[in-house]
Amino acid sequence: MLATFNELAEAELNDAIGYYETEQVGLGAAFLAEIRRSTAAVVEYPEAHPILRGTVRRRLCEKVTYALLYENHAEQVRVRDGRHLKRRP
């Protein structure tokens, strides 16, 4: 099984990586590493995370205040959105 990101989720992640890297050198890379760990956990155990709405599930990242919203399909996990949990919309 593999994970794919839609355009919105990918753009949100790239923005977050850029922001963290401007705040402190290396922080963007650490953020990306945590996203990769969380994505790997979703791929390995796609049904382990709670349903948020309909078929969309939420994986909370452990080391950053971020969540991945995804759907589990037959042969792939589709990440629909990434959300910072402390930021107001």
Protein backbone atom coordinates (compact mmCIF):
# COMPACT_ATOMS: atom_id res chain seq x y z
CA MET A 1 0.00 0.00 0.00
CA LEU A 2 1.16 3.54 -0.64
CA ALA A 3 0.19 7.05 0.40
CA THR A 4 -0.64 9.88 -1.95
CA PHE A 5 -1.32 13.53 -1.15
CA ASN A 6 -3.81 15.68 -2.98
CA GLU A 7 -2.68 19.12 -4.18
CA LEU A 8 -4.18 20.99 -1.22
CA ALA A 9 -2.51 18.73 1.35
CA GLU A 10 0.82 18.89 -0.45
CA ALA A 11 0.70 22.69 -0.68
CA GLU A 12 -0.21 22.99 3.02
CA LEU A 13 2.69 20.72 4.00
CA ASN A 14 5.17 22.61 1.82
CA ASP A 15 4.04 25.92 3.34
CA ALA A 16 4.44 24.52 6.85
CA ILE A 17 7.90 23.13 6.08
CA GLY A 18 8.98 26.51 4.70
CA TYR A 19 7.57 28.36 7.70
CA TYR A 20 9.29 26.11 10.24
CA GLU A 21 12.58 26.31 8.37
CA THR A 22 12.48 30.14 8.45
CA GLU A 23 11.79 30.03 12.18
CA GLN A 24 14.81 27.82 12.88
CA VAL A 25 17.24 26.05 10.56
CA GLY A 26 16.53 22.31 10.63
CA LEU A 27 13.03 22.66 12.07
CA GLY A 28 11.42 22.22 8.64
CA ALA A 29 13.35 18.97 8.15
CA ALA A 30 12.29 17.75 11.61
CA PHE A 31 8.67 18.57 10.76
CA LEU A 32 8.92 16.67 7.49
CA ALA A 33 10.43 13.67 9.29
CA GLU A 34 7.46 13.59 11.68
CA ILE A 35 5.01 13.82 8.76
CA ARG A 36 6.79 10.89 7.12
CA ARG A 37 6.58 8.84 10.35
CA SER A 38 2.87 9.62 10.66
CA THR A 39 2.24 8.79 7.00
CA ALA A 40 4.05 5.45 7.41
CA ALA A 41 1.86 4.65 10.43
CA VAL A 42 -1.27 5.43 8.41
CA VAL A 43 -0.11 3.17 5.59
CA GLU A 44 0.72 0.36 7.97
CA TYR A 45 -2.49 0.60 10.04
CA PRO A 46 -5.01 2.64 8.03
CA GLU A 47 -8.02 1.58 10.12
CA ALA A 48 -6.35 2.39 13.45
CA HIS A 49 -7.25 6.08 13.52
CA PRO A 50 -10.68 7.52 14.33
CA ILE A 51 -13.20 8.48 11.71
CA LEU A 52 -13.63 12.23 11.59
CA ARG A 53 -16.53 12.38 9.13
CA GLY A 54 -17.85 9.93 6.55
CA THR A 55 -14.83 7.98 5.33
CA VAL A 56 -12.23 10.56 6.42
CA ARG A 57 -9.93 9.53 9.27
CA ARG A 58 -7.54 11.66 11.34
CA ARG A 59 -4.00 10.80 12.37
CA LEU A 60 -2.52 13.07 15.05
CA CYS A 61 1.22 13.56 14.69
CA GLU A 62 3.16 12.79 17.86
CA LYS A 63 5.90 15.43 17.89
CA VAL A 64 4.13 18.37 16.23
CA THR A 65 0.68 19.89 16.61
CA TYR A 66 -0.46 18.67 13.23
CA ALA A 67 -2.97 16.16 11.91
CA LEU A 68 -3.31 14.27 8.65
CA LEU A 69 -6.82 13.77 7.29
CA TYR A 70 -6.99 10.77 4.99
CA GLU A 71 -9.17 8.17 3.33
CA ASN A 72 -8.32 4.50 3.07
CA HIS A 73 -8.85 3.07 -0.40
CA ALA A 74 -8.21 -0.49 -1.57
CA GLU A 75 -4.56 -0.03 -2.56
CA GLN A 76 -3.70 3.44 -1.31
CA VAL A 77 -4.16 5.92 1.48
CA ARG A 78 -5.14 9.33 0.12
CA VAL A 79 -4.15 12.25 2.35
CA ARG A 80 -6.77 14.93 1.76
CA ASP A 81 -5.55 17.61 4.14
CA GLY A 82 -2.94 18.52 6.70
CA ARG A 83 -3.97 20.73 9.61
CA HIS A 84 -2.08 22.65 12.22
CA LEU A 85 -4.04 22.08 15.43
CA LYS A 86 -3.17 25.34 17.21
CA ARG A 87 -3.72 27.78 14.37
CA ARG A 88 -7.03 29.51 13.89
CA PRO A 89 -8.46 29.29 10.34
